PDB file of N, CA and C in Angstrom:
ATOM      1  N   MET A   1      12.738  40.938 100.055  1.00  0.00           N
ATOM      2  CA  MET A   1      12.772  41.672 100.913  1.00  0.00           C
ATOM      3  C   MET A   1      12.052  43.487 100.287  1.00  0.00           C
ATOM      4  N   GLU A   2      12.010  44.400 100.887  1.00  0.00           N
ATOM      5  CA  GLU A   2      11.259  45.353 100.097  1.00  0.00           C
ATOM      6  C   GLU A   2      11.943  46.283  99.915  1.00  0.00           C
ATOM      7  N   GLN A   3      12.032  47.072  98.229  1.00  0.00           N
ATOM      8  CA  GLN A   3      12.702  48.350  98.189  1.00  0.00           C
ATOM      9  C   GLN A   3      12.441  49.635  98.409  1.00  0.00           C
ATOM     10  N   LYS A   4      14.051  49.891  99.318  1.00  0.00           N
ATOM     11  CA  LYS A   4      13.460  51.310  99.710  1.00  0.00           C
ATOM     12  C   LYS A   4      13.442  52.452  99.019  1.00  0.00           C
ATOM     13  N   GLU A   5      12.305  53.394  99.563  1.00  0.00           N
ATOM     14  CA  GLU A   5      11.863  54.756  98.307  1.00  0.00           C
ATOM     15  C   GLU A   5      13.658  55.443  98.051  1.00  0.00           C
ATOM     16  N   ASN A   6      13.488  55.953  97.086  1.00  0.00           N
ATOM     17  CA  ASN A   6      14.436  56.699  96.635  1.00  0.00           C
ATOM     18  C   ASN A   6      13.726  58.156  95.750  1.00  0.00           C
ATOM     19  N   VAL A   7      14.255  58.524  97.017  1.00  0.00           N
ATOM     20  CA  VAL A   7      13.793  59.587  97.139  1.00  0.00           C
ATOM     21  C   VAL A   7      14.014  61.078  95.983  1.00  0.00           C
ATOM     22  N   ILE A   8      15.373  60.772  95.227  1.00  0.00           N
ATOM     23  CA  ILE A   8      16.185  61.735  94.587  1.00  0.00           C
ATOM     24  C   ILE A   8      15.510  61.323  92.840  1.00  0.00           C
ATOM     25  N   LEU A   9      15.102  59.844  92.583  1.00  0.00           N
ATOM     26  CA  LEU A   9      14.433  59.358  91.712  1.00  0.00           C
ATOM     27  C   LEU A   9      13.380  59.683  91.627  1.00  0.00           C
ATOM     28  N   ASN A  10      12.383  59.825  92.567  1.00  0.00           N
ATOM     29  CA  ASN A  10      11.108  60.028  92.543  1.00  0.00           C
ATOM     30  C   ASN A  10      11.186  61.712  92.365  1.00  0.00           C
ATOM     31  N   LEU A  11      12.016  62.420  92.919  1.00  0.00           N
ATOM     32  CA  LEU A  11      12.103  64.013  92.952  1.00  0.00           C
ATOM     33  C   LEU A  11      11.978  64.555  91.498  1.00  0.00           C
ATOM     34  N   THR A  12      13.361  63.536  90.509  1.00  0.00           N
ATOM     35  CA  THR A  12      13.465  64.194  89.273  1.00  0.00           C
ATOM     36  C   THR A  12      12.483  63.743  88.000  1.00  0.00           C
ATOM     37  N   ILE A  13      11.670  62.756  88.456  1.00  0.00           N
ATOM     38  CA  ILE A  13      10.806  62.323  87.533  1.00  0.00           C
ATOM     39  C   ILE A  13       9.326  63.382  87.836  1.00  0.00           C
ATOM     40  N   GLU A  14       9.438  63.586  89.073  1.00  0.00           N
ATOM     41  CA  GLU A  14       8.126  64.269  89.646  1.00  0.00           C
ATOM     42  C   GLU A  14       8.868  65.719  88.635  1.00  0.00           C
ATOM     43  N   PHE A  15       9.766  65.981  89.076  1.00  0.00           N
ATOM     44  CA  PHE A  15      10.111  67.137  88.576  1.00  0.00           C
ATOM     45  C   PHE A  15       9.784  67.406  86.849  1.00  0.00           C
ATOM     46  N   SER A  16      10.378  66.022  85.934  1.00  0.00           N
ATOM     47  CA  SER A  16      10.677  66.141  84.666  1.00  0.00           C
ATOM     48  C   SER A  16       9.107  66.649  84.120  1.00  0.00           C
ATOM     49  N   ILE A  17       8.108  65.874  84.871  1.00  0.00           N
ATOM     50  CA  ILE A  17       6.877  65.836  84.177  1.00  0.00           C
ATOM     51  C   ILE A  17       6.039  67.142  84.441  1.00  0.00           C
ATOM     52  N   ALA A  18       6.388  68.345  85.948  1.00  0.00           N
ATOM     53  CA  ALA A  18       6.278  68.950  85.750  1.00  0.00           C
ATOM     54  C   ALA A  18       6.804  70.078  84.786  1.00  0.00           C
ATOM     55  N   VAL A  19       7.791  70.213  84.453  1.00  0.00           N
ATOM     56  CA  VAL A  19       8.690  70.951  83.371  1.00  0.00           C
ATOM     57  C   VAL A  19       8.202  70.402  81.970  1.00  0.00           C
ATOM     58  N   ILE A  20       7.793  69.537  81.784  1.00  0.00           N
ATOM     59  CA  ILE A  20       6.755  69.251  80.337  1.00  0.00           C
ATOM     60  C   ILE A  20       5.789  69.867  80.335  1.00  0.00           C
ATOM     61  N   SER A  21       5.029  69.909  81.556  1.00  0.00           N
ATOM     62  CA  SER A  21       3.917  70.635  81.346  1.00  0.00           C
ATOM     63  C   SER A  21       3.711  72.291  81.252  1.00  0.00           C
ATOM     64  N   PHE A  22       4.895  72.869  81.899  1.00  0.00           N
ATOM     65  CA  PHE A  22       5.382  74.099  81.869  1.00  0.00           C
ATOM     66  C   PHE A  22       5.792  74.353  80.560  1.00  0.00           C
ATOM     67  N   VAL A  23       6.769  73.891  79.386  1.00  0.00           N
ATOM     68  CA  VAL A  23       7.247  73.689  78.137  1.00  0.00           C
ATOM     69  C   VAL A  23       6.123  74.113  77.495  1.00  0.00           C
ATOM     70  N   GLU A  24       4.783  72.807  77.547  1.00  0.00           N
ATOM     71  CA  GLU A  24       3.546  73.420  76.571  1.00  0.00           C
ATOM     72  C   GLU A  24       2.820  74.605  77.139  1.00  0.00           C
ATOM     73  N   GLN A  25       3.255  74.712  78.085  1.00  0.00           N
ATOM     74  CA  GLN A  25       2.644  76.674  78.149  1.00  0.00           C
ATOM     75  C   GLN A  25       3.659  77.149  77.204  1.00  0.00           C
ATOM     76  N   LEU A  26       4.975  76.986  77.632  1.00  0.00           N
ATOM     77  CA  LEU A  26       6.016  78.336  76.552  1.00  0.00           C
ATOM     78  C   LEU A  26       5.684  78.087  75.224  1.00  0.00           C
ATOM     79  N   GLU A  27       5.173  76.495  74.337  1.00  0.00           N
ATOM     80  CA  GLU A  27       5.158  76.250  73.088  1.00  0.00           C
ATOM     81  C   GLU A  27       4.049  77.198  73.079  1.00  0.00           C
ATOM     82  N   GLU A  28       2.703  77.047  73.342  1.00  0.00           N
ATOM     83  CA  GLU A  28       1.649  77.744  73.279  1.00  0.00           C
ATOM     84  C   GLU A  28       1.938  79.316  72.769  1.00  0.00           C
ATOM     85  N   LYS A  29       3.053  79.677  73.790  1.00  0.00           N
ATOM     86  CA  LYS A  29       3.313  81.805  73.433  1.00  0.00           C
ATOM     87  C   LYS A  29       4.535  81.544  72.355  1.00  0.00           C
ATOM     88  N   ARG A  30       5.000  80.617  72.183  1.00  0.00           N
ATOM     89  CA  ARG A  30       5.533  80.255  70.749  1.00  0.00           C
ATOM     90  C   ARG A  30       7.544  80.557  71.471  1.00  0.00           C
ATOM     91  N   LYS A  31       7.561  80.595  72.544  1.00  0.00           N
ATOM     92  CA  LYS A  31       9.068  80.315  72.950  1.00  0.00           C
ATOM     93  C   LYS A  31       9.696  79.040  72.790  1.00  0.00           C
ATOM     94  N   PHE A  32       9.871  78.416  71.323  1.00  0.00           N
ATOM     95  CA  PHE A  32      10.813  77.457  71.291  1.00  0.00           C
ATOM     96  C   PHE A  32      11.701  76.918  71.889  1.00  0.00           C
ATOM     97  N   VAL A  33      12.743  77.934  71.551  1.00  0.00           N
ATOM     98  CA  VAL A  33      13.569  77.831  71.615  1.00  0.00           C
ATOM     99  C   VAL A  33      14.155  77.818  72.998  1.00  0.00           C
ATOM    100  N   VAL A  34      13.465  78.648  73.648  1.00  0.00           N
ATOM    101  CA  VAL A  34      13.951  78.804  75.070  1.00  0.00           C
ATOM    102  C   VAL A  34      13.184  77.038  75.983  1.00  0.00           C
ATOM    103  N   ALA A  35      11.713  76.728  75.232  1.00  0.00           N
ATOM    104  CA  ALA A  35      11.414  75.940  75.783  1.00  0.00           C
ATOM    105  C   ALA A  35      12.156  74.275  75.325  1.00  0.00           C
ATOM    106  N   ASN A  36      12.498  73.953  74.524  1.00  0.00           N
ATOM    107  CA  ASN A  36      13.876  73.095  73.671  1.00  0.00           C
ATOM    108  C   ASN A  36      14.521  72.733  74.893  1.00  0.00           C
ATOM    109  N   GLN A  37      15.454  74.201  75.193  1.00  0.00           N
ATOM    110  CA  GLN A  37      16.532  74.107  75.869  1.00  0.00           C
ATOM    111  C   GLN A  37      16.248  73.690  76.937  1.00  0.00           C
ATOM    112  N   LEU A  38      14.801  74.462  78.167  1.00  0.00           N
ATOM    113  CA  LEU A  38      14.789  73.868  79.262  1.00  0.00           C
ATOM    114  C   LEU A  38      14.163  72.439  79.241  1.00  0.00           C
ATOM    115  N   LEU A  39      13.805  71.879  78.093  1.00  0.00           N
ATOM    116  CA  LEU A  39      13.051  70.473  77.968  1.00  0.00           C
ATOM    117  C   LEU A  39      14.226  69.638  78.279  1.00  0.00           C
ATOM    118  N   LYS A  40      15.034  70.069  77.792  1.00  0.00           N
ATOM    119  CA  LYS A  40      16.483  68.974  77.563  1.00  0.00           C
ATOM    120  C   LYS A  40      17.377  68.794  78.816  1.00  0.00           C
ATOM    121  N   SER A  41      17.471  69.845  79.262  1.00  0.00           N
ATOM    122  CA  SER A  41      18.637  70.419  80.864  1.00  0.00           C
ATOM    123  C   SER A  41      17.651  69.300  82.180  1.00  0.00           C
ATOM    124  N   ALA A  42      16.147  69.926  81.730  1.00  0.00           N
ATOM    125  CA  ALA A  42      15.413  69.696  82.820  1.00  0.00           C
ATOM    126  C   ALA A  42      15.298  68.367  83.016  1.00  0.00           C
ATOM    127  N   THR A  43      15.160  67.454  81.975  1.00  0.00           N
ATOM    128  CA  THR A  43      14.974  66.081  81.904  1.00  0.00           C
ATOM    129  C   THR A  43      16.636  65.366  82.184  1.00  0.00           C
ATOM    130  N   SER A  44      17.030  66.042  81.749  1.00  0.00           N
ATOM    131  CA  SER A  44      18.579  65.676  81.720  1.00  0.00           C
ATOM    132  C   SER A  44      19.000  65.081  82.808  1.00  0.00           C
ATOM    133  N   ILE A  45      18.264  65.733  84.030  1.00  0.00           N
ATOM    134  CA  ILE A  45      18.724  65.713  85.193  1.00  0.00           C
ATOM    135  C   ILE A  45      18.348  64.263  85.784  1.00  0.00           C
ATOM    136  N   GLY A  46      17.318  64.105  86.143  1.00  0.00           N
ATOM    137  CA  GLY A  46      16.415  62.454  85.858  1.00  0.00           C
ATOM    138  C   GLY A  46      17.060  61.861  85.358  1.00  0.00           C
ATOM    139  N   ALA A  47      17.618  61.779  83.913  1.00  0.00           N
ATOM    140  CA  ALA A  47      17.920  60.411  83.436  1.00  0.00           C
ATOM    141  C   ALA A  47      19.858  60.320  84.164  1.00  0.00           C
ATOM    142  N   ASN A  48      20.050  61.393  84.022  1.00  0.00           N
ATOM    143  CA  ASN A  48      21.616  61.163  84.982  1.00  0.00           C
ATOM    144  C   ASN A  48      21.336  60.434  86.512  1.00  0.00           C
ATOM    145  N   VAL A  49      20.502  61.105  86.917  1.00  0.00           N
ATOM    146  CA  VAL A  49      20.099  60.463  88.168  1.00  0.00           C
ATOM    147  C   VAL A  49      19.702  58.808  88.201  1.00  0.00           C
ATOM    148  N   HIS A  50      18.931  58.815  86.746  1.00  0.00           N
ATOM    149  CA  HIS A  50      18.724  56.863  86.740  1.00  0.00           C
ATOM    150  C   HIS A  50      19.456  56.097  86.470  1.00  0.00           C
ATOM    151  N   GLU A  51      20.439  57.259  85.694  1.00  0.00           N
ATOM    152  CA  GLU A  51      21.611  56.436  85.086  1.00  0.00           C
ATOM    153  C   GLU A  51      22.821  55.758  85.989  1.00  0.00           C
ATOM    154  N   ALA A  52      23.008  56.953  87.148  1.00  0.00           N
ATOM    155  CA  ALA A  52      23.730  56.551  88.590  1.00  0.00           C
ATOM    156  C   ALA A  52      23.237  55.266  88.905  1.00  0.00           C
ATOM    157  N   GLN A  53      21.965  55.363  89.161  1.00  0.00           N
ATOM    158  CA  GLN A  53      21.685  53.865  89.845  1.00  0.00           C
ATOM    159  C   GLN A  53      22.070  52.495  89.246  1.00  0.00           C
ATOM    160  N   ASN A  54      22.938  52.390  88.279  1.00  0.00           N
ATOM    161  CA  ASN A  54      23.477  51.589  87.881  1.00  0.00           C
ATOM    162  C   ASN A  54      24.947  51.687  87.612  1.00  0.00           C
ATOM    163  N   ALA A  55      25.812  52.621  88.074  1.00  0.00           N
ATOM    164  CA  ALA A  55      26.837  53.037  87.890  1.00  0.00           C
ATOM    165  C   ALA A  55      27.740  51.925  88.279  1.00  0.00           C
ATOM    166  N   GLU A  56      29.248  51.933  87.524  1.00  0.00           N
ATOM    167  CA  GLU A  56      30.002  50.620  88.098  1.00  0.00           C
ATOM    168  C   GLU A  56      30.712  50.954  89.451  1.00  0.00           C
ATOM    169  N   SER A  57      30.930  52.193  89.769  1.00  0.00           N
ATOM    170  CA  SER A  57      31.658  52.230  90.851  1.00  0.00           C
ATOM    171  C   SER A  57      31.298  53.766  91.498  1.00  0.00           C
ATOM    172  N   LYS A  58      31.414  53.632  93.024  1.00  0.00           N
ATOM    173  CA  LYS A  58      31.116  54.629  93.630  1.00  0.00           C
ATOM    174  C   LYS A  58      31.608  55.931  92.840  1.00  0.00           C
ATOM    175  N   LEU A  59      32.899  55.688  92.199  1.00  0.00           N
ATOM    176  CA  LEU A  59      33.164  57.109  91.398  1.00  0.00           C
ATOM    177  C   LEU A  59      32.354  57.528  90.512  1.00  0.00           C
ATOM    178  N   ASP A  60      31.931  56.229  89.750  1.00  0.00           N
ATOM    179  CA  ASP A  60      31.045  56.692  88.133  1.00  0.00           C
ATOM    180  C   ASP A  60      29.841  57.059  88.766  1.00  0.00           C
ATOM    181  N   PHE A  61      29.364  56.784  90.097  1.00  0.00           N
ATOM    182  CA  PHE A  61      27.952  56.975  90.607  1.00  0.00           C
ATOM    183  C   PHE A  61      28.421  58.509  90.642  1.00  0.00           C
ATOM    184  N   ILE A  62      29.092  58.852  91.609  1.00  0.00           N
ATOM    185  CA  ILE A  62      29.369  60.259  91.700  1.00  0.00           C
ATOM    186  C   ILE A  62      29.658  61.171  90.134  1.00  0.00           C
ATOM    187  N   HIS A  63      30.164  60.707  89.384  1.00  0.00           N
ATOM    188  CA  HIS A  63      30.217  61.213  88.588  1.00  0.00           C
ATOM    189  C   HIS A  63      28.857  61.821  87.314  1.00  0.00           C
ATOM    190  N   LYS A  64      28.199  60.607  87.576  1.00  0.00           N
ATOM    191  CA  LYS A  64      26.585  60.553  86.960  1.00  0.00           C
ATOM    192  C   LYS A  64      25.836  61.896  87.660  1.00  0.00           C
ATOM    193  N   LEU A  65      25.995  61.896  89.220  1.00  0.00           N
ATOM    194  CA  LEU A  65      25.228  62.592  89.810  1.00  0.00           C
ATOM    195  C   LEU A  65      25.683  64.429  89.887  1.00  0.00           C
ATOM    196  N   LYS A  66      27.150  64.660  89.379  1.00  0.00           N
ATOM    197  CA  LYS A  66      27.861  65.604  89.287  1.00  0.00           C
ATOM    198  C   LYS A  66      27.347  66.201  87.902  1.00  0.00           C
ATOM    199  N   ILE A  67      27.126  65.048  86.853  1.00  0.00           N
ATOM    200  CA  ILE A  67      26.437  66.065  85.457  1.00  0.00           C
ATOM    201  C   ILE A  67      24.978  66.163  86.104  1.00  0.00           C
ATOM    202  N   ALA A  68      24.535  65.325  86.338  1.00  0.00           N
ATOM    203  CA  ALA A  68      22.860  65.704  86.593  1.00  0.00           C
ATOM    204  C   ALA A  68      22.699  67.032  87.716  1.00  0.00           C
ATOM    205  N   HIS A  69      24.300  67.445  88.072  1.00  0.00           N
ATOM    206  CA  HIS A  69      23.914  68.671  89.246  1.00  0.00           C
ATOM    207  C   HIS A  69      24.269  69.710  88.195  1.00  0.00           C
ATOM    208  N   LYS A  70      24.982  69.711  87.357  1.00  0.00           N
ATOM    209  CA  LYS A  70      25.641  70.327  86.229  1.00  0.00           C
ATOM    210  C   LYS A  70      24.675  70.935  85.181  1.00  0.00           C
ATOM    211  N   GLU A  71      23.263  69.885  85.099  1.00  0.00           N
ATOM    212  CA  GLU A  71      22.247  69.764  84.620  1.00  0.00           C
ATOM    213  C   GLU A  71      21.117  70.453  85.243  1.00  0.00           C
ATOM    214  N   ALA A  72      20.985  70.146  86.363  1.00  0.00           N
ATOM    215  CA  ALA A  72      20.010  71.005  87.306  1.00  0.00           C
ATOM    216  C   ALA A  72      20.445  72.825  87.417  1.00  0.00           C
ATOM    217  N   ASP A  73      21.877  73.301  87.642  1.00  0.00           N
ATOM    218  CA  ASP A  73      22.229  74.426  87.379  1.00  0.00           C
ATOM    219  C   ASP A  73      21.705  75.308  85.919  1.00  0.00           C
ATOM    220  N   GLU A  74      21.778  74.631  84.461  1.00  0.00           N
ATOM    221  CA  GLU A  74      21.683  74.834  83.497  1.00  0.00           C
ATOM    222  C   GLU A  74      20.135  74.789  83.394  1.00  0.00           C
ATOM    223  N   THR A  75      19.669  74.662  84.281  1.00  0.00           N
ATOM    224  CA  THR A  75      17.974  74.334  83.854  1.00  0.00           C
ATOM    225  C   THR A  75      17.543  75.525  85.173  1.00  0.00           C
ATOM    226  N   MET A  76      17.981  75.974  85.843  1.00  0.00           N
ATOM    227  CA  MET A  76      17.859  76.883  86.902  1.00  0.00           C
ATOM    228  C   MET A  76      17.600  78.252  86.017  1.00  0.00           C
ATOM    229  N   TYR A  77      18.634  78.482  85.130  1.00  0.00           N
ATOM    230  CA  TYR A  77      19.326  79.791  84.278  1.00  0.00           C
ATOM    231  C   TYR A  77      18.577  79.441  83.217  1.00  0.00           C
ATOM    232  N   TRP A  78      17.757  78.921  82.833  1.00  0.00           N
ATOM    233  CA  TRP A  78      16.758  79.059  81.978  1.00  0.00           C
ATOM    234  C   TRP A  78      15.206  78.795  82.359  1.00  0.00           C
ATOM    235  N   LEU A  79      15.476  78.776  83.930  1.00  0.00           N
ATOM    236  CA  LEU A  79      13.937  78.545  84.619  1.00  0.00           C
ATOM    237  C   LEU A  79      14.133  80.274  84.701  1.00  0.00           C
ATOM    238  N   THR A  80      15.151  80.721  85.476  1.00  0.00           N
ATOM    239  CA  THR A  80      15.539  81.978  86.022  1.00  0.00           C
ATOM    240  C   THR A  80      14.712  83.177  83.928  1.00  0.00           C
ATOM    241  N   LEU A  81      15.459  83.125  83.211  1.00  0.00           N
ATOM    242  CA  LEU A  81      15.151  83.736  82.355  1.00  0.00           C
ATOM    243  C   LEU A  81      13.738  83.849  81.591  1.00  0.00           C
ATOM    244  N   CYS A  82      13.132  82.877  82.110  1.00  0.00           N
ATOM    245  CA  CYS A  82      11.678  82.893  81.840  1.00  0.00           C
ATOM    246  C   CYS A  82      11.054  83.855  82.881  1.00  0.00           C
ATOM    247  N   GLU A  83      11.614  84.095  84.359  1.00  0.00           N
ATOM    248  CA  GLU A  83      11.176  84.617  85.241  1.00  0.00           C
ATOM    249  C   GLU A  83      11.496  86.469  84.996  1.00  0.00           C
ATOM    250  N   LYS A  84      12.280  86.469  84.028  1.00  0.00           N
ATOM    251  CA  LYS A  84      12.647  88.195  84.193  1.00  0.00           C
ATOM    252  C   LYS A  84      12.337  88.601  82.332  1.00  0.00           C
ATOM    253  N   ALA A  85      12.508  87.626  81.832  1.00  0.00           N
ATOM    254  CA  ALA A  85      11.887  88.048  80.215  1.00  0.00           C
ATOM    255  C   ALA A  85      10.284  88.512  80.823  1.00  0.00           C
ATOM    256  N   GLU A  86       9.679  89.405  79.931  1.00  0.00           N
ATOM    257  CA  GLU A  86       8.323  89.953  80.684  1.00  0.00           C
ATOM    258  C   GLU A  86       7.774  89.318  79.410  1.00  0.00           C
ATOM    259  N   SER A  87       7.921  88.591  78.311  1.00  0.00           N
ATOM    260  CA  SER A  87       7.051  88.081  77.536  1.00  0.00           C
ATOM    261  C   SER A  87       6.643  86.775  77.884  1.00  0.00           C
ATOM    262  N   TYR A  88       7.754  86.107  78.869  1.00  0.00           N
ATOM    263  CA  TYR A  88       7.274  84.603  79.053  1.00  0.00           C
ATOM    264  C   TYR A  88       6.661  84.598  80.330  1.00  0.00           C
ATOM    265  N   PRO A  89       6.089  83.021  80.482  1.00  0.00           N
ATOM    266  CA  PRO A  89       5.272  82.436  81.567  1.00  0.00           C
ATOM    267  C   PRO A  89       5.999  82.395  82.777  1.00  0.00           C
ATOM    268  N   ILE A  90       5.830  82.293  83.987  1.00  0.00           N
ATOM    269  CA  ILE A  90       6.709  82.117  85.305  1.00  0.00           C
ATOM    270  C   ILE A  90       5.872  80.808  85.939  1.00  0.00           C
ATOM    271  N   ASN A  91       6.551  80.001  86.424  1.00  0.00           N
ATOM    272  CA  ASN A  91       6.248  79.204  87.097  1.00  0.00           C
ATOM    273  C   ASN A  91       7.374  79.012  88.527  1.00  0.00           C
ATOM    274  N   LEU A  92       7.317  79.600  89.629  1.00  0.00           N
ATOM    275  CA  LEU A  92       8.214  79.508  90.567  1.00  0.00           C
ATOM    276  C   LEU A  92       8.221  78.304  91.045  1.00  0.00           C
ATOM    277  N   GLU A  93       7.248  77.687  91.282  1.00  0.00           N
ATOM    278  CA  GLU A  93       7.300  76.561  92.073  1.00  0.00           C
ATOM    279  C   GLU A  93       7.853  75.217  91.425  1.00  0.00           C
ATOM    280  N   LEU A  94       8.346  75.715  90.227  1.00  0.00           N
ATOM    281  CA  LEU A  94       9.606  74.629  89.454  1.00  0.00           C
ATOM    282  C   LEU A  94      10.550  74.822  90.335  1.00  0.00           C
ATOM    283  N   LYS A  95      10.888  76.334  89.994  1.00  0.00           N
ATOM    284  CA  LYS A  95      12.557  76.784  91.296  1.00  0.00           C
ATOM    285  C   LYS A  95      12.511  76.269  92.059  1.00  0.00           C
ATOM    286  N   ASP A  96      11.364  76.259  93.159  1.00  0.00           N
ATOM    287  CA  ASP A  96      11.587  75.712  94.149  1.00  0.00           C
ATOM    288  C   ASP A  96      12.318  74.177  94.085  1.00  0.00           C
ATOM    289  N   LYS A  97      11.308  73.121  93.551  1.00  0.00           N
ATOM    290  CA  LYS A  97      11.692  71.931  93.318  1.00  0.00           C
ATOM    291  C   LYS A  97      12.790  71.771  92.868  1.00  0.00           C
ATOM    292  N   LEU A  98      13.255  72.683  92.453  1.00  0.00           N
ATOM    293  CA  LEU A  98      14.878  72.454  91.591  1.00  0.00           C
ATOM    294  C   LEU A  98      15.657  72.778  92.480  1.00  0.00           C
ATOM    295  N   GLN A  99      15.210  73.624  93.679  1.00  0.00           N
ATOM    296  CA  GLN A  99      16.198  74.531  94.558  1.00  0.00           C
ATOM    297  C   GLN A  99      16.365  72.556  95.356  1.00  0.00           C
ATOM    298  N   THR A 100      15.357  72.182  95.675  1.00  0.00           N
ATOM    299  CA  THR A 100      15.485  70.985  96.494  1.00  0.00           C
ATOM    300  C   THR A 100      16.190  69.977  95.881  1.00  0.00           C
ATOM    301  N   ILE A 101      16.079  69.538  95.020  1.00  0.00           N
ATOM    302  CA  ILE A 101      16.777  68.953  94.312  1.00  0.00           C
ATOM    303  C   ILE A 101      18.205  68.927  93.968  1.00  0.00           C
ATOM    304  N   ILE A 102      18.441  70.100  93.701  1.00  0.00           N
ATOM    305  CA  ILE A 102      19.722  70.694  93.762  1.00  0.00           C
ATOM    306  C   ILE A 102      20.691  70.197  95.418  1.00  0.00           C
ATOM    307  N   LYS A 103      19.912  70.553  96.215  1.00  0.00           N
ATOM    308  CA  LYS A 103      19.925  69.772  97.778  1.00  0.00           C
ATOM    309  C   LYS A 103      20.619  68.740  98.332  1.00  0.00           C
ATOM    310  N   VAL A 104      19.500  67.375  97.521  1.00  0.00           N
ATOM    311  CA  VAL A 104      19.247  66.613  98.096  1.00  0.00           C
ATOM    312  C   VAL A 104      20.764  66.079  96.568  1.00  0.00           C
ATOM    313  N   LEU A 105      21.045  66.534  95.718  1.00  0.00           N
ATOM    314  CA  LEU A 105      22.488  65.770  94.504  1.00  0.00           C
ATOM    315  C   LEU A 105      23.190  66.502  95.437  1.00  0.00           C
ATOM    316  N   SER A 106      23.340  67.333  95.973  1.00  0.00           N
ATOM    317  CA  SER A 106      24.558  67.901  96.511  1.00  0.00           C
ATOM    318  C   SER A 106      25.079  66.918  98.158  1.00  0.00           C
ATOM    319  N   LYS A 107      24.016  66.879  98.679  1.00  0.00           N
ATOM    320  CA  LYS A 107      24.048  66.077  99.850  1.00  0.00           C
ATOM    321  C   LYS A 107      24.493  64.536  99.736  1.00  0.00           C
ATOM    322  N   ILE A 108      24.119  63.698  98.554  1.00  0.00           N
ATOM    323  CA  ILE A 108      24.307  62.885  98.176  1.00  0.00           C
ATOM    324  C   ILE A 108      25.685  62.654  97.812  1.00  0.00           C
ATOM    325  N   ILE A 109      26.257  63.568  97.007  1.00  0.00           N
ATOM    326  CA  ILE A 109      27.511  63.745  96.016  1.00  0.00           C
ATOM    327  C   ILE A 109      28.600  63.629  97.173  1.00  0.00           C
ATOM    328  N   SER A 110      28.064  64.812  98.338  1.00  0.00           N
ATOM    329  CA  SER A 110      29.067  64.891  99.484  1.00  0.00           C
ATOM    330  C   SER A 110      29.410  63.396 100.404  1.00  0.00           C
ATOM    331  N   SER A 111      28.279  62.876 100.553  1.00  0.00           N
ATOM    332  CA  SER A 111      27.993  61.867 101.605  1.00  0.00           C
ATOM    333  C   SER A 111      28.834  60.631 100.800  1.00  0.00           C
ATOM    334  N   THR A 112      28.890  60.405  99.396  1.00  0.00           N
ATOM    335  CA  THR A 112      29.323  59.527  98.816  1.00  0.00           C
ATOM    336  C   THR A 112      31.116  59.629  99.006  1.00  0.00           C
ATOM    337  N   LYS A 113      30.781  60.896  98.841  1.00  0.00           N
ATOM    338  CA  LYS A 113      32.294  61.271  99.068  1.00  0.00           C
ATOM    339  C   LYS A 113      32.717  60.784 100.383  1.00  0.00           C
ATOM    340  N   GLN A 114      32.276  61.220 100.947  1.00  0.00           N
ATOM    341  CA  GLN A 114      32.777  60.815 102.409  1.00  0.00           C
ATOM    342  C   GLN A 114      32.647  59.394 102.723  1.00  0.00           C
ATOM    343  N   ASN A 115      31.698  58.616 102.218  1.00  0.00           N
ATOM    344  CA  ASN A 115      32.243  57.079 101.862  1.00  0.00           C
ATOM    345  C   ASN A 115      33.234  56.770 101.569  1.00  0.00           C
ATOM    346  N   LEU A 116      33.722  57.260 100.593  1.00  0.00           N
ATOM    347  CA  LEU A 116      34.615  56.785  99.686  1.00  0.00           C
ATOM    348  C   LEU A 116      36.331  56.643 100.672  1.00  0.00           C
ATOM    349  N   LYS A 117      36.083  58.298 101.224  1.00  0.00           N
ATOM    350  CA  LYS A 117      37.219  58.312 101.752  1.00  0.00           C
ATOM    351  C   LYS A 117      37.697  57.812 103.258  1.00  0.00           C
ATOM    352  N   THR A 118      36.546  57.437 103.719  1.00  0.00           N
ATOM    353  CA  THR A 118      36.118  56.512 104.857  1.00  0.00           C
ATOM    354  C   THR A 118      36.810  55.035 104.302  1.00  0.00           C
ATOM    355  N   ASN A 119      36.139  54.451 103.402  1.00  0.00           N
ATOM    356  CA  ASN A 119      36.762  52.921 103.307  1.00  0.00           C
ATOM    357  C   ASN A 119      38.076  52.743 102.237  1.00  0.00           C
ATOM    358  N   VAL A 120      38.473  54.189 101.971  1.00  0.00           N
ATOM    359  CA  VAL A 120      39.782  54.076 101.977  1.00  0.00           C
ATOM    360  C   VAL A 120      40.935  54.074 102.647  1.00  0.00           C
ATOM    361  N   ASN A 121      40.559  54.483 104.057  1.00  0.00           N
ATOM    362  CA  ASN A 121      41.850  54.810 104.829  1.00  0.00           C
ATOM    363  C   ASN A 121      41.369  53.523 105.693  1.00  0.00           C
TER     364      ASN A 121
END
C-alpha cells in the first residue's frame, strides 16, 4: 500500500532547513540570542508535528499540533523582530512559509476536532 504524502510534515521539514540557513546568517552578524531563540522555536514546530504522527489518541494529536501552532506563533515573533530591527538580516520568504504552516495546522486542528465531535455523537 502506497503511503499518502504528509503535507504538514514536509512543510515543517523544509521550513526548518530554511531557518537553519537563516540562523547561520544571523550568527555571521553575531545576533546569537535571536538566532538561538529562532532556531529553537522554528525547529520545535516540526518536532511537535512529527511527534503528533504517533499520538496516543485524537486528543493527544490535537494537543501536540496546538503546541506546534504556539511554536509557530513564537517563531513569527522572532522573524518579525528581525524584520523590524535595523541591523538584522530579513527573510520575508520564511514568514510566507510560516503563514502557510500556520494555516495548515489550524485546518488540521479544526477538522480533527470536528471529526471528534462527529464520532462522539
